[in-house]
Amino acid sequence: MPSEAYQINQTMGLKVEDFAEPTGTSGLYTLRMRKKDGRCVFLDGNRCRIYAARPLVCHFYPVWVRQERPTYTFGVT
Protein backbone atom coordinates (compact mmCIF):
# COMPACT_ATOMS: atom_id res chain seq x y z
CA MET A 1 0.00 0.00 0.00
CA PRO A 2 2.78 2.57 0.55
CA SER A 3 3.59 2.59 -3.18
CA GLU A 4 -0.14 2.75 -3.98
CA ALA A 5 -0.52 5.67 -1.57
CA TYR A 6 2.36 7.39 -3.35
CA GLN A 7 0.64 6.78 -6.70
CA ILE A 8 -2.59 8.34 -5.41
CA ASN A 9 -0.55 11.22 -3.96
CA GLN A 10 1.13 11.87 -7.31
CA THR A 11 -1.99 11.39 -9.46
CA MET A 12 -4.49 13.27 -7.30
CA GLY A 13 -2.17 15.76 -5.60
CA LEU A 14 -3.38 14.74 -2.13
CA LYS A 15 -1.35 14.26 1.02
CA VAL A 16 -1.17 10.58 2.04
CA GLU A 17 -2.37 11.41 5.55
CA ASP A 18 -5.55 12.92 4.04
CA PHE A 19 -6.70 9.55 2.70
CA ALA A 20 -4.71 6.83 4.49
CA GLU A 21 -3.77 5.92 8.04
CA PRO A 22 -1.23 3.51 9.54
CA THR A 23 -2.48 -0.01 10.27
CA GLY A 24 -0.15 -0.37 13.25
CA THR A 25 1.36 -3.52 11.73
CA SER A 26 4.62 -4.23 9.94
CA GLY A 27 3.39 -6.72 7.35
CA LEU A 28 2.27 -6.42 3.75
CA TYR A 29 -0.18 -3.61 4.49
CA THR A 30 1.17 -0.77 6.62
CA LEU A 31 -1.48 1.75 5.53
CA ARG A 32 -5.24 1.53 5.10
CA MET A 33 -7.69 3.84 3.39
CA ARG A 34 -9.57 6.21 5.64
CA LYS A 35 -13.31 5.68 5.88
CA LYS A 36 -16.16 8.17 6.05
CA ASP A 37 -19.39 6.71 7.43
CA GLY A 38 -17.89 3.23 6.90
CA ARG A 39 -17.12 3.89 3.22
CA CYS A 40 -13.94 4.74 1.35
CA VAL A 41 -13.25 8.48 1.34
CA PHE A 42 -12.98 8.37 -2.45
CA LEU A 43 -16.47 7.02 -3.07
CA ASP A 44 -18.93 9.55 -4.44
CA GLY A 45 -22.21 7.66 -4.34
CA ASN A 46 -21.16 4.41 -6.02
CA ARG A 47 -18.45 6.00 -8.16
CA CYS A 48 -14.74 5.99 -7.38
CA ARG A 49 -13.18 9.46 -7.67
CA ILE A 50 -9.68 7.96 -8.16
CA TYR A 51 -10.58 5.06 -10.43
CA ALA A 52 -7.46 5.36 -12.59
CA ALA A 53 -5.18 5.42 -9.52
CA ARG A 54 -7.18 3.08 -7.24
CA PRO A 55 -5.28 0.59 -5.07
CA LEU A 56 -4.90 -3.05 -6.09
CA VAL A 57 -7.39 -4.21 -3.46
CA CYS A 58 -10.06 -2.14 -5.24
CA HIS A 59 -9.34 -3.92 -8.52
CA PHE A 60 -10.36 -7.20 -6.90
CA TYR A 61 -13.35 -5.94 -4.87
CA PRO A 62 -15.41 -7.67 -3.45
CA VAL A 63 -12.55 -10.12 -2.73
CA TRP A 64 -10.40 -9.00 0.22
CA VAL A 65 -7.21 -10.01 2.02
CA ARG A 66 -6.71 -9.86 5.78
CA GLN A 67 -3.32 -10.39 7.35
CA GLU A 68 -3.40 -12.86 10.23
CA ARG A 69 0.01 -13.79 11.45
CA PRO A 70 1.66 -15.83 10.07
CA THR A 71 -0.74 -16.29 7.12
CA TYR A 72 -3.23 -14.32 5.03
CA THR A 73 -6.98 -14.94 4.87
CA PHE A 74 -8.95 -14.38 1.66
CA GLY A 75 -12.69 -13.87 1.44
CA VAL A 76 -15.53 -12.39 -0.56
CA THR A 77 -17.77 -9.62 0.70
C-alpha atoms as a PDB file:
ATOM      1  CA  MET A   1       0.000   0.000   0.000  1.00  0.00           C
ATOM      2  CA  PRO A   2       2.784   2.569   0.555  1.00  0.00           C
ATOM      3  CA  SER A   3       3.587   2.594  -3.181  1.00  0.00           C
ATOM      4  CA  GLU A   4      -0.138   2.751  -3.980  1.00  0.00           C
ATOM      5  CA  ALA A   5      -0.524   5.670  -1.569  1.00  0.00           C
ATOM      6  CA  TYR A   6       2.361   7.389  -3.348  1.00  0.00           C
ATOM      7  CA  GLN A   7       0.640   6.779  -6.702  1.00  0.00           C
ATOM      8  CA  ILE A   8      -2.588   8.343  -5.407  1.00  0.00           C
ATOM      9  CA  ASN A   9      -0.549  11.216  -3.959  1.00  0.00           C
ATOM     10  CA  GLN A  10       1.129  11.869  -7.311  1.00  0.00           C
ATOM     11  CA  THR A  11      -1.988  11.390  -9.459  1.00  0.00           C
ATOM     12  CA  MET A  12      -4.485  13.265  -7.302  1.00  0.00           C
ATOM     13  CA  GLY A  13      -2.166  15.762  -5.597  1.00  0.00           C
ATOM     14  CA  LEU A  14      -3.377  14.744  -2.129  1.00  0.00           C
ATOM     15  CA  LYS A  15      -1.346  14.256   1.023  1.00  0.00           C
ATOM     16  CA  VAL A  16      -1.165  10.582   2.036  1.00  0.00           C
ATOM     17  CA  GLU A  17      -2.368  11.414   5.552  1.00  0.00           C
ATOM     18  CA  ASP A  18      -5.546  12.921   4.039  1.00  0.00           C
ATOM     19  CA  PHE A  19      -6.703   9.547   2.695  1.00  0.00           C
ATOM     20  CA  ALA A  20      -4.714   6.831   4.487  1.00  0.00           C
ATOM     21  CA  GLU A  21      -3.772   5.924   8.042  1.00  0.00           C
ATOM     22  CA  PRO A  22      -1.234   3.512   9.543  1.00  0.00           C
ATOM     23  CA  THR A  23      -2.479  -0.005  10.275  1.00  0.00           C
ATOM     24  CA  GLY A  24      -0.152  -0.369  13.247  1.00  0.00           C
ATOM     25  CA  THR A  25       1.362  -3.520  11.727  1.00  0.00           C
ATOM     26  CA  SER A  26       4.620  -4.234   9.942  1.00  0.00           C
ATOM     27  CA  GLY A  27       3.390  -6.720   7.348  1.00  0.00           C
ATOM     28  CA  LEU A  28       2.268  -6.422   3.752  1.00  0.00           C
ATOM     29  CA  TYR A  29      -0.182  -3.608   4.487  1.00  0.00           C
ATOM     30  CA  THR A  30       1.172  -0.770   6.623  1.00  0.00           C
ATOM     31  CA  LEU A  31      -1.478   1.749   5.529  1.00  0.00           C
ATOM     32  CA  ARG A  32      -5.244   1.528   5.099  1.00  0.00           C
ATOM     33  CA  MET A  33      -7.685   3.839   3.388  1.00  0.00           C
ATOM     34  CA  ARG A  34      -9.568   6.210   5.635  1.00  0.00           C
ATOM     35  CA  LYS A  35     -13.313   5.684   5.881  1.00  0.00           C
ATOM     36  CA  LYS A  36     -16.156   8.166   6.054  1.00  0.00           C
ATOM     37  CA  ASP A  37     -19.390   6.714   7.431  1.00  0.00           C
ATOM     38  CA  GLY A  38     -17.889   3.235   6.899  1.00  0.00           C
ATOM     39  CA  ARG A  39     -17.118   3.888   3.219  1.00  0.00           C
ATOM     40  CA  CYS A  40     -13.936   4.742   1.354  1.00  0.00           C
ATOM     41  CA  VAL A  41     -13.248   8.482   1.341  1.00  0.00           C
ATOM     42  CA  PHE A  42     -12.976   8.369  -2.455  1.00  0.00           C
ATOM     43  CA  LEU A  43     -16.469   7.015  -3.074  1.00  0.00           C
ATOM     44  CA  ASP A  44     -18.926   9.548  -4.443  1.00  0.00           C
ATOM     45  CA  GLY A  45     -22.207   7.658  -4.344  1.00  0.00           C
ATOM     46  CA  ASN A  46     -21.157   4.406  -6.024  1.00  0.00           C
ATOM     47  CA  ARG A  47     -18.448   5.996  -8.163  1.00  0.00           C
ATOM     48  CA  CYS A  48     -14.742   5.993  -7.383  1.00  0.00           C
ATOM     49  CA  ARG A  49     -13.185   9.456  -7.670  1.00  0.00           C
ATOM     50  CA  ILE A  50      -9.680   7.964  -8.155  1.00  0.00           C
ATOM     51  CA  TYR A  51     -10.583   5.055 -10.427  1.00  0.00           C
ATOM     52  CA  ALA A  52      -7.461   5.362 -12.589  1.00  0.00           C
ATOM     53  CA  ALA A  53      -5.182   5.417  -9.516  1.00  0.00           C
ATOM     54  CA  ARG A  54      -7.179   3.081  -7.242  1.00  0.00           C
ATOM     55  CA  PRO A  55      -5.283   0.594  -5.067  1.00  0.00           C
ATOM     56  CA  LEU A  56      -4.904  -3.053  -6.087  1.00  0.00           C
ATOM     57  CA  VAL A  57      -7.395  -4.207  -3.458  1.00  0.00           C
ATOM     58  CA  CYS A  58     -10.061  -2.136  -5.236  1.00  0.00           C
ATOM     59  CA  HIS A  59      -9.345  -3.918  -8.524  1.00  0.00           C
ATOM     60  CA  PHE A  60     -10.360  -7.196  -6.897  1.00  0.00           C
ATOM     61  CA  TYR A  61     -13.347  -5.940  -4.871  1.00  0.00           C
ATOM     62  CA  PRO A  62     -15.409  -7.672  -3.446  1.00  0.00           C
ATOM     63  CA  VAL A  63     -12.546 -10.116  -2.726  1.00  0.00           C
ATOM     64  CA  TRP A  64     -10.397  -9.003   0.222  1.00  0.00           C
ATOM     65  CA  VAL A  65      -7.209 -10.010   2.019  1.00  0.00           C
ATOM     66  CA  ARG A  66      -6.713  -9.860   5.781  1.00  0.00           C
ATOM     67  CA  GLN A  67      -3.320 -10.389   7.352  1.00  0.00           C
ATOM     68  CA  GLU A  68      -3.405 -12.864  10.227  1.00  0.00           C
ATOM     69  CA  ARG A  69       0.010 -13.790  11.449  1.00  0.00           C
ATOM     70  CA  PRO A  70       1.662 -15.827  10.065  1.00  0.00           C
ATOM     71  CA  THR A  71      -0.742 -16.285   7.117  1.00  0.00           C
ATOM     72  CA  TYR A  72      -3.233 -14.324   5.032  1.00  0.00           C
ATOM     73  CA  THR A  73      -6.983 -14.944   4.872  1.00  0.00           C
ATOM     74  CA  PHE A  74      -8.948 -14.381   1.661  1.00  0.00           C
ATOM     75  CA  GLY A  75     -12.685 -13.868   1.445  1.00  0.00           C
ATOM     76  CA  VAL A  76     -15.535 -12.392  -0.559  1.00  0.00           C
ATOM     77  CA  THR A  77     -17.768  -9.618   0.698  1.00  0.00           C
END
